[in-house]
Amino acid sequence: MSLEDDLRALGLHGASQSLEEVIAIAVREAFSPRQVLEHVTKRERDHRRTHSYGRRLRRSHLGRFAPVADFDWAHPRRIDRGLIEEAFSLRFVDDGGAVLFFGGTGTGKTHLAKALVHHAVAAGRSARFVHAQTLCDELAYQETTSGLERRLRYYLRPHLLCIDELAYQHIDIRRLDLLYELVRRRYEANRAVVVTACLQPTDWATLMPSTAATSALVDRLLHRALVIDIDADSYRKRQSAERATTRK
């Protein structure tokens, strides 16, 4: 077996891939044996960090996103930037808390939520992004108790779960009960949640059955939560109007 094969057998894939380059640098710089080992381990560490980040990003199902640096802070009439900075400190993830973004359509809720999820992934946390309707349908379509249990564990596992557009469409009692069960489990396991919603929780009863599960869902989401209200017109409408003006 070659040295590269030995390194791969030991799980040192990053070191095996860059071995020739490391040797060339060591010869050129006249590295001591200790410096050679330090350089090899650094290459392996960088390789694992890059691959770990890529794996977490794929598993997050984040899709297209824009960083928080691209958010237009001048657009909203009112937004608490201090609370958003607190959210991006990720203390709520470590504490098993929640971040709730409220605002009308096109106000930047999903932009900020996705940026927050990506920030958590880049910081080494596992995360998952899902649309609320997709989540509820996935749980409701499970035909067996064991299948449902596996799906609940799937959404319980990551450090951070982002539920986009909650209380956007009507939800039936079964889906509400399953959504509550997932939120309850994450709450009790100190697993963090991010939610975006157009309606304030006081108005969720207009789209959800008036049951104890609705109240319990709101109670667990609001407890230990950073609540961020965004008062703004639709950014997408503003962009459409600007493009129309430019064409004229």
C-alpha atoms as a PDB file:
ATOM      1  CA  MET A   1       0.000   0.000   0.000  1.00  0.00           C
ATOM      2  CA  SER A   2       1.126   3.543  -0.716  1.00  0.00           C
ATOM      3  CA  LEU A   3       1.374   6.261   1.918  1.00  0.00           C
ATOM      4  CA  GLU A   4      -1.772   7.829   0.453  1.00  0.00           C
ATOM      5  CA  ASP A   5      -3.601   4.507   0.872  1.00  0.00           C
ATOM      6  CA  ASP A   6      -2.449   4.286   4.479  1.00  0.00           C
ATOM      7  CA  LEU A   7      -3.693   7.810   5.180  1.00  0.00           C
ATOM      8  CA  ARG A   8      -7.083   7.029   3.635  1.00  0.00           C
ATOM      9  CA  ALA A   9      -7.303   3.794   5.637  1.00  0.00           C
ATOM     10  CA  LEU A  10      -6.787   5.879   8.772  1.00  0.00           C
ATOM     11  CA  GLY A  11      -9.598   8.223   7.683  1.00  0.00           C
ATOM     12  CA  LEU A  12      -7.187  11.075   6.853  1.00  0.00           C
ATOM     13  CA  HIS A  13      -8.685  11.843   3.448  1.00  0.00           C
ATOM     14  CA  GLY A  14      -7.730  15.514   3.444  1.00  0.00           C
ATOM     15  CA  ALA A  15      -4.095  14.705   4.213  1.00  0.00           C
ATOM     16  CA  SER A  16      -4.002  12.001   1.520  1.00  0.00           C
ATOM     17  CA  GLN A  17      -5.360  14.386  -1.132  1.00  0.00           C
ATOM     18  CA  SER A  18      -2.805  17.119  -0.397  1.00  0.00           C
ATOM     19  CA  LEU A  19       0.186  14.911   0.428  1.00  0.00           C
ATOM     20  CA  GLU A  20       2.282  15.822  -2.641  1.00  0.00           C
ATOM     21  CA  GLU A  21       1.675  19.522  -2.053  1.00  0.00           C
ATOM     22  CA  VAL A  22       2.611  19.206   1.612  1.00  0.00           C
ATOM     23  CA  ILE A  23       5.830  17.378   0.694  1.00  0.00           C
ATOM     24  CA  ALA A  24       6.738  20.077  -1.822  1.00  0.00           C
ATOM     25  CA  ILE A  25       6.160  22.816   0.738  1.00  0.00           C
ATOM     26  CA  ALA A  26       8.118  20.914   3.387  1.00  0.00           C
ATOM     27  CA  VAL A  27      11.105  20.554   1.060  1.00  0.00           C
ATOM     28  CA  ARG A  28      10.970  24.176  -0.048  1.00  0.00           C
ATOM     29  CA  GLU A  29      10.612  25.542   3.483  1.00  0.00           C
ATOM     30  CA  ALA A  30      12.930  22.991   5.072  1.00  0.00           C
ATOM     31  CA  PHE A  31      10.284  21.910   7.588  1.00  0.00           C
ATOM     32  CA  SER A  32      11.285  19.940  10.654  1.00  0.00           C
ATOM     33  CA  PRO A  33       9.453  16.604  11.211  1.00  0.00           C
ATOM     34  CA  ARG A  34       7.208  18.339  13.744  1.00  0.00           C
ATOM     35  CA  GLN A  35       6.342  21.116  11.276  1.00  0.00           C
ATOM     36  CA  VAL A  36       5.485  18.511   8.640  1.00  0.00           C
ATOM     37  CA  LEU A  37       3.055  16.822  11.043  1.00  0.00           C
ATOM     38  CA  GLU A  38       1.546  20.178  12.024  1.00  0.00           C
ATOM     39  CA  HIS A  39       1.008  21.041   8.349  1.00  0.00           C
ATOM     40  CA  VAL A  40      -0.553  17.642   7.592  1.00  0.00           C
ATOM     41  CA  THR A  41      -2.935  17.866  10.560  1.00  0.00           C
ATOM     42  CA  LYS A  42      -3.927  21.413   9.597  1.00  0.00           C
ATOM     43  CA  ARG A  43      -4.774  20.270   6.068  1.00  0.00           C
ATOM     44  CA  GLU A  44      -6.841  17.407   7.489  1.00  0.00           C
ATOM     45  CA  ARG A  45      -8.644  19.715   9.914  1.00  0.00           C
ATOM     46  CA  ASP A  46      -9.474  22.222   7.144  1.00  0.00           C
ATOM     47  CA  HIS A  47     -10.677  19.398   4.905  1.00  0.00           C
ATOM     48  CA  ARG A  48     -12.994  18.016   7.579  1.00  0.00           C
ATOM     49  CA  ARG A  49     -14.333  21.449   8.451  1.00  0.00           C
ATOM     50  CA  THR A  50     -15.184  22.165   4.795  1.00  0.00           C
ATOM     51  CA  HIS A  51     -16.843  18.789   4.241  1.00  0.00           C
ATOM     52  CA  SER A  52     -18.744  18.986   7.520  1.00  0.00           C
ATOM     53  CA  TYR A  53     -20.109  22.414   6.560  1.00  0.00           C
ATOM     54  CA  GLY A  54     -21.150  21.168   3.128  1.00  0.00           C
ATOM     55  CA  ARG A  55     -22.899  18.160   4.647  1.00  0.00           C
ATOM     56  CA  ARG A  56     -24.786  20.308   7.175  1.00  0.00           C
ATOM     57  CA  LEU A  57     -25.785  22.764   4.452  1.00  0.00           C
ATOM     58  CA  ARG A  58     -27.184  19.994   2.222  1.00  0.00           C
ATOM     59  CA  ARG A  59     -29.124  18.487   5.100  1.00  0.00           C
ATOM     60  CA  SER A  60     -30.601  21.860   6.020  1.00  0.00           C
ATOM     61  CA  HIS A  61     -32.615  21.960   2.737  1.00  0.00           C
ATOM     62  CA  LEU A  62     -32.089  25.712   2.836  1.00  0.00           C
ATOM     63  CA  GLY A  63     -32.182  26.239  -0.911  1.00  0.00           C
ATOM     64  CA  ARG A  64     -31.487  29.704  -2.263  1.00  0.00           C
ATOM     65  CA  PHE A  65     -30.808  32.350   0.345  1.00  0.00           C
ATOM     66  CA  ALA A  66     -29.292  35.797   0.743  1.00  0.00           C
ATOM     67  CA  PRO A  67     -26.975  36.726   3.628  1.00  0.00           C
ATOM     68  CA  VAL A  68     -28.129  39.158   6.281  1.00  0.00           C
ATOM     69  CA  ALA A  69     -25.645  41.666   4.838  1.00  0.00           C
ATOM     70  CA  ASP A  70     -27.953  41.964   1.803  1.00  0.00           C
ATOM     71  CA  PHE A  71     -30.991  42.911   3.894  1.00  0.00           C
ATOM     72  CA  ASP A  72     -32.238  46.451   3.194  1.00  0.00           C
ATOM     73  CA  TRP A  73     -32.462  47.914   6.693  1.00  0.00           C
ATOM     74  CA  ALA A  74     -33.827  51.194   5.311  1.00  0.00           C
ATOM     75  CA  HIS A  75     -36.922  49.524   3.841  1.00  0.00           C
ATOM     76  CA  PRO A  76     -38.952  48.634   6.973  1.00  0.00           C
ATOM     77  CA  ARG A  77     -40.775  51.391   8.807  1.00  0.00           C
ATOM     78  CA  ARG A  78     -40.028  49.566  12.040  1.00  0.00           C
ATOM     79  CA  ILE A  79     -37.699  46.688  12.882  1.00  0.00           C
ATOM     80  CA  ASP A  80     -35.704  45.933  16.037  1.00  0.00           C
ATOM     81  CA  ARG A  81     -32.187  45.428  14.726  1.00  0.00           C
ATOM     82  CA  GLY A  82     -30.911  44.784  18.248  1.00  0.00           C
ATOM     83  CA  LEU A  83     -33.165  41.739  18.580  1.00  0.00           C
ATOM     84  CA  ILE A  84     -31.959  40.431  15.237  1.00  0.00           C
ATOM     85  CA  GLU A  85     -28.346  40.820  16.317  1.00  0.00           C
ATOM     86  CA  GLU A  86     -29.245  38.926  19.489  1.00  0.00           C
ATOM     87  CA  ALA A  87     -30.711  36.134  17.351  1.00  0.00           C
ATOM     88  CA  PHE A  88     -27.542  35.971  15.249  1.00  0.00           C
ATOM     89  CA  SER A  89     -25.471  35.485  18.391  1.00  0.00           C
ATOM     90  CA  LEU A  90     -27.075  31.977  18.363  1.00  0.00           C
ATOM     91  CA  ARG A  91     -27.504  31.928  22.126  1.00  0.00           C
ATOM     92  CA  PHE A  92     -31.126  30.957  21.573  1.00  0.00           C
ATOM     93  CA  VAL A  93     -29.939  27.815  19.748  1.00  0.00           C
ATOM     94  CA  ASP A  94     -27.766  26.761  22.663  1.00  0.00           C
ATOM     95  CA  ASP A  95     -30.580  27.577  25.118  1.00  0.00           C
ATOM     96  CA  GLY A  96     -33.282  25.777  23.132  1.00  0.00           C
ATOM     97  CA  GLY A  97     -35.268  28.969  22.591  1.00  0.00           C
ATOM     98  CA  ALA A  98     -37.109  30.389  19.602  1.00  0.00           C
ATOM     99  CA  VAL A  99     -37.060  33.303  17.183  1.00  0.00           C
ATOM    100  CA  LEU A 100     -40.408  34.410  15.736  1.00  0.00           C
ATOM    101  CA  PHE A 101     -40.519  36.715  12.706  1.00  0.00           C
ATOM    102  CA  PHE A 102     -43.868  38.442  12.145  1.00  0.00           C
ATOM    103  CA  GLY A 103     -44.762  40.711   9.232  1.00  0.00           C
ATOM    104  CA  GLY A 104     -46.770  41.006   6.051  1.00  0.00           C
ATOM    105  CA  THR A 105     -45.968  39.358   2.743  1.00  0.00           C
ATOM    106  CA  GLY A 106     -42.700  40.526   1.216  1.00  0.00           C
ATOM    107  CA  THR A 107     -41.343  42.233   4.330  1.00  0.00           C
ATOM    108  CA  GLY A 108     -38.169  40.137   4.606  1.00  0.00           C
ATOM    109  CA  LYS A 109     -39.159  37.498   7.169  1.00  0.00           C
ATOM    110  CA  THR A 110     -37.945  34.538   5.136  1.00  0.00           C
ATOM    111  CA  HIS A 111     -34.809  36.412   4.039  1.00  0.00           C
ATOM    112  CA  LEU A 112     -33.801  36.920   7.676  1.00  0.00           C
ATOM    113  CA  ALA A 113     -34.875  33.429   8.740  1.00  0.00           C
ATOM    114  CA  LYS A 114     -32.843  31.754   5.985  1.00  0.00           C
ATOM    115  CA  ALA A 115     -29.846  33.950   6.737  1.00  0.00           C
ATOM    116  CA  LEU A 116     -30.148  32.927  10.386  1.00  0.00           C
ATOM    117  CA  VAL A 117     -30.304  29.231   9.486  1.00  0.00           C
ATOM    118  CA  HIS A 118     -27.222  29.559   7.279  1.00  0.00           C
ATOM    119  CA  HIS A 119     -25.389  31.413  10.046  1.00  0.00           C
ATOM    120  CA  ALA A 120     -26.146  28.540  12.421  1.00  0.00           C
ATOM    121  CA  VAL A 121     -24.950  25.962   9.867  1.00  0.00           C
ATOM    122  CA  ALA A 122     -21.718  27.905   9.286  1.00  0.00           C
ATOM    123  CA  ALA A 123     -21.202  28.011  13.058  1.00  0.00           C
ATOM    124  CA  GLY A 124     -21.319  24.211  13.294  1.00  0.00           C
ATOM    125  CA  ARG A 125     -24.972  23.624  14.248  1.00  0.00           C
ATOM    126  CA  SER A 126     -27.265  21.244  12.425  1.00  0.00           C
ATOM    127  CA  ALA A 127     -30.409  22.841  11.013  1.00  0.00           C
ATOM    128  CA  ARG A 128     -33.419  22.140   8.835  1.00  0.00           C
ATOM    129  CA  PHE A 129     -35.627  24.569   6.877  1.00  0.00           C
ATOM    130  CA  VAL A 130     -39.155  23.565   5.896  1.00  0.00           C
ATOM    131  CA  HIS A 131     -42.364  25.235   4.781  1.00  0.00           C
ATOM    132  CA  ALA A 132     -45.114  24.822   7.373  1.00  0.00           C
ATOM    133  CA  GLN A 133     -47.557  23.258   4.907  1.00  0.00           C
ATOM    134  CA  THR A 134     -44.942  20.760   3.718  1.00  0.00           C
ATOM    135  CA  LEU A 135     -44.117  19.842   7.298  1.00  0.00           C
ATOM    136  CA  CYS A 136     -47.744  19.290   8.278  1.00  0.00           C
ATOM    137  CA  ASP A 137     -48.463  17.268   5.136  1.00  0.00           C
ATOM    138  CA  GLU A 138     -45.397  15.057   5.642  1.00  0.00           C
ATOM    139  CA  LEU A 139     -46.515  14.222   9.171  1.00  0.00           C
ATOM    140  CA  ALA A 140     -50.163  13.723   8.216  1.00  0.00           C
ATOM    141  CA  TYR A 141     -49.378  11.421   5.260  1.00  0.00           C
ATOM    142  CA  GLN A 142     -47.553   8.854   7.417  1.00  0.00           C
ATOM    143  CA  GLU A 143     -49.663   5.688   7.261  1.00  0.00           C
ATOM    144  CA  THR A 144     -48.192   3.870  10.239  1.00  0.00           C
ATOM    145  CA  THR A 145     -47.346   4.807  13.804  1.00  0.00           C
ATOM    146  CA  SER A 146     -43.735   3.777  13.260  1.00  0.00           C
ATOM    147  CA  GLY A 147     -43.519   5.898  10.110  1.00  0.00           C
ATOM    148  CA  LEU A 148     -44.883   8.918  11.944  1.00  0.00           C
ATOM    149  CA  GLU A 149     -42.446   8.356  14.801  1.00  0.00           C
ATOM    150  CA  ARG A 150     -39.505   8.255  12.380  1.00  0.00           C
ATOM    151  CA  ARG A 151     -40.628  11.501  10.759  1.00  0.00           C
ATOM    152  CA  LEU A 152     -41.057  13.231  14.109  1.00  0.00           C
ATOM    153  CA  ARG A 153     -37.535  12.140  15.091  1.00  0.00           C
ATOM    154  CA  TYR A 154     -36.254  13.436  11.731  1.00  0.00           C
ATOM    155  CA  TYR A 155     -37.522  16.920  12.578  1.00  0.00           C
ATOM    156  CA  LEU A 156     -36.540  16.641  16.232  1.00  0.00           C
ATOM    157  CA  ARG A 157     -32.894  15.802  15.510  1.00  0.00           C
ATOM    158  CA  PRO A 158     -31.350  19.090  14.266  1.00  0.00           C
ATOM    159  CA  HIS A 159     -30.258  21.791  16.696  1.00  0.00           C
ATOM    160  CA  LEU A 160     -32.430  24.290  14.815  1.00  0.00           C
ATOM    161  CA  LEU A 161     -35.720  23.828  12.947  1.00  0.00           C
ATOM    162  CA  CYS A 162     -37.051  26.703  10.850  1.00  0.00           C
ATOM    163  CA  ILE A 163     -40.776  26.561  10.013  1.00  0.00           C
ATOM    164  CA  ASP A 164     -41.589  29.042   7.256  1.00  0.00           C
ATOM    165  CA  GLU A 165     -45.015  30.637   6.710  1.00  0.00           C
ATOM    166  CA  LEU A 166     -46.800  29.192   9.709  1.00  0.00           C
ATOM    167  CA  ALA A 167     -50.489  30.171   9.970  1.00  0.00           C
ATOM    168  CA  TYR A 168     -50.533  31.097   6.284  1.00  0.00           C
ATOM    169  CA  GLN A 169     -53.150  28.548   5.204  1.00  0.00           C
ATOM    170  CA  HIS A 170     -55.996  26.799   6.995  1.00  0.00           C
ATOM    171  CA  ILE A 171     -54.904  23.746   8.946  1.00  0.00           C
ATOM    172  CA  ASP A 172     -57.127  20.881  10.019  1.00  0.00           C
ATOM    173  CA  ILE A 173     -57.251  19.329  13.479  1.00  0.00           C
ATOM    174  CA  ARG A 174     -55.029  16.339  12.631  1.00  0.00           C
ATOM    175  CA  ARG A 175     -52.262  18.501  11.170  1.00  0.00           C
ATOM    176  CA  LEU A 176     -52.527  20.923  14.081  1.00  0.00           C
ATOM    177  CA  ASP A 177     -52.192  18.095  16.596  1.00  0.00           C
ATOM    178  CA  LEU A 178     -49.138  16.707  14.797  1.00  0.00           C
ATOM    179  CA  LEU A 179     -47.529  20.142  14.541  1.00  0.00           C
ATOM    180  CA  TYR A 180     -48.115  20.699  18.235  1.00  0.00           C
ATOM    181  CA  GLU A 181     -46.615  17.289  19.051  1.00  0.00           C
ATOM    182  CA  LEU A 182     -43.430  18.167  17.160  1.00  0.00           C
ATOM    183  CA  VAL A 183     -43.145  21.617  18.780  1.00  0.00           C
ATOM    184  CA  ARG A 184     -43.815  20.083  22.202  1.00  0.00           C
ATOM    185  CA  ARG A 185     -41.061  17.521  21.738  1.00  0.00           C
ATOM    186  CA  ARG A 186     -38.568  20.124  20.574  1.00  0.00           C
ATOM    187  CA  TYR A 187     -39.541  22.382  23.470  1.00  0.00           C
ATOM    188  CA  GLU A 188     -38.992  19.618  26.021  1.00  0.00           C
ATOM    189  CA  ALA A 189     -35.710  18.575  24.374  1.00  0.00           C
ATOM    190  CA  ASN A 190     -34.435  22.202  24.383  1.00  0.00           C
ATOM    191  CA  ARG A 191     -34.210  22.222  20.598  1.00  0.00           C
ATOM    192  CA  ALA A 192     -34.438  25.683  19.026  1.00  0.00           C
ATOM    193  CA  VAL A 193     -37.145  26.800  16.594  1.00  0.00           C
ATOM    194  CA  VAL A 194     -37.396  29.681  14.112  1.00  0.00           C
ATOM    195  CA  VAL A 195     -40.839  30.596  12.782  1.00  0.00           C
ATOM    196  CA  THR A 196     -42.016  33.089  10.174  1.00  0.00           C
ATOM    197  CA  ALA A 197     -45.681  34.102  10.052  1.00  0.00           C
ATOM    198  CA  CYS A 198     -47.785  36.848   8.509  1.00  0.00           C
ATOM    199  CA  LEU A 199     -50.326  36.759  11.341  1.00  0.00           C
ATOM    200  CA  GLN A 200     -49.708  37.456  15.002  1.00  0.00           C
ATOM    201  CA  PRO A 201     -50.461  34.474  17.313  1.00  0.00           C
ATOM    202  CA  THR A 202     -53.609  36.230  18.553  1.00  0.00           C
ATOM    203  CA  ASP A 203     -55.020  35.824  15.021  1.00  0.00           C
ATOM    204  CA  TRP A 204     -53.988  32.195  14.429  1.00  0.00           C
ATOM    205  CA  ALA A 205     -57.419  31.006  15.525  1.00  0.00           C
ATOM    206  CA  THR A 206     -58.752  32.326  12.205  1.00  0.00           C
ATOM    207  CA  LEU A 207     -56.759  29.601  10.404  1.00  0.00           C
ATOM    208  CA  MET A 208     -56.491  26.922  13.076  1.00  0.00           C
ATOM    209  CA  PRO A 209     -59.201  24.946  14.883  1.00  0.00           C
ATOM    210  CA  SER A 210     -60.161  26.461  18.204  1.00  0.00           C
ATOM    211  CA  THR A 211     -58.726  23.694  20.350  1.00  0.00           C
ATOM    212  CA  ALA A 212     -56.406  23.410  23.315  1.00  0.00           C
ATOM    213  CA  ALA A 213     -53.621  22.464  20.878  1.00  0.00           C
ATOM    214  CA  THR A 214     -53.670  25.959  19.342  1.00  0.00           C
ATOM    215  CA  SER A 215     -53.218  27.628  22.719  1.00  0.00           C
ATOM    216  CA  ALA A 216     -50.559  25.123  23.752  1.00  0.00           C
ATOM    217  CA  LEU A 217     -48.692  25.605  20.456  1.00  0.00           C
ATOM    218  CA  VAL A 218     -48.625  29.386  20.885  1.00  0.00           C
ATOM    219  CA  ASP A 219     -47.622  29.054  24.538  1.00  0.00           C
ATOM    220  CA  ARG A 220     -44.576  26.898  23.788  1.00  0.00           C
ATOM    221  CA  LEU A 221     -43.448  28.997  20.837  1.00  0.00           C
ATOM    222  CA  LEU A 222     -43.676  32.290  22.720  1.00  0.00           C
ATOM    223  CA  HIS A 223     -41.951  31.043  25.860  1.00  0.00           C
ATOM    224  CA  ARG A 224     -38.201  31.837  25.696  1.00  0.00           C
ATOM    225  CA  ALA A 225     -38.749  33.513  22.292  1.00  0.00           C
ATOM    226  CA  LEU A 226     -37.265  36.556  20.611  1.00  0.00           C
ATOM    227  CA  VAL A 227     -40.270  38.172  18.892  1.00  0.00           C
ATOM    228  CA  ILE A 228     -39.315  40.301  15.890  1.00  0.00           C
ATOM    229  CA  ASP A 229     -42.067  42.386  14.273  1.00  0.00           C
ATOM    230  CA  ILE A 230     -41.338  43.819  10.827  1.00  0.00           C
ATOM    231  CA  ASP A 231     -43.523  46.756   9.831  1.00  0.00           C
ATOM    232  CA  ALA A 232     -43.005  47.314   6.115  1.00  0.00           C
ATOM    233  CA  ASP A 233     -44.647  47.303   2.722  1.00  0.00           C
ATOM    234  CA  SER A 234     -43.883  44.451   0.354  1.00  0.00           C
ATOM    235  CA  TYR A 235     -40.292  44.708  -0.850  1.00  0.00           C
ATOM    236  CA  ARG A 236     -41.173  42.697  -3.950  1.00  0.00           C
ATOM    237  CA  LYS A 237     -43.954  45.136  -4.860  1.00  0.00           C
ATOM    238  CA  ARG A 238     -41.532  48.014  -4.423  1.00  0.00           C
ATOM    239  CA  GLN A 239     -39.034  46.355  -6.745  1.00  0.00           C
ATOM    240  CA  SER A 240     -41.755  45.703  -9.344  1.00  0.00           C
ATOM    241  CA  ALA A 241     -42.808  49.345  -9.211  1.00  0.00           C
ATOM    242  CA  GLU A 242     -39.202  50.491  -9.601  1.00  0.00           C
ATOM    243  CA  ARG A 243     -38.698  48.227 -12.635  1.00  0.00           C
ATOM    244  CA  ALA A 244     -41.915  49.520 -14.184  1.00  0.00           C
ATOM    245  CA  THR A 245     -40.751  53.096 -13.669  1.00  0.00           C
ATOM    246  CA  THR A 246     -37.381  52.276 -15.232  1.00  0.00           C
ATOM    247  CA  ARG A 247     -39.034  50.738 -18.327  1.00  0.00           C
ATOM    248  CA  LYS A 248     -41.175  53.842 -18.778  1.00  0.00           C
END
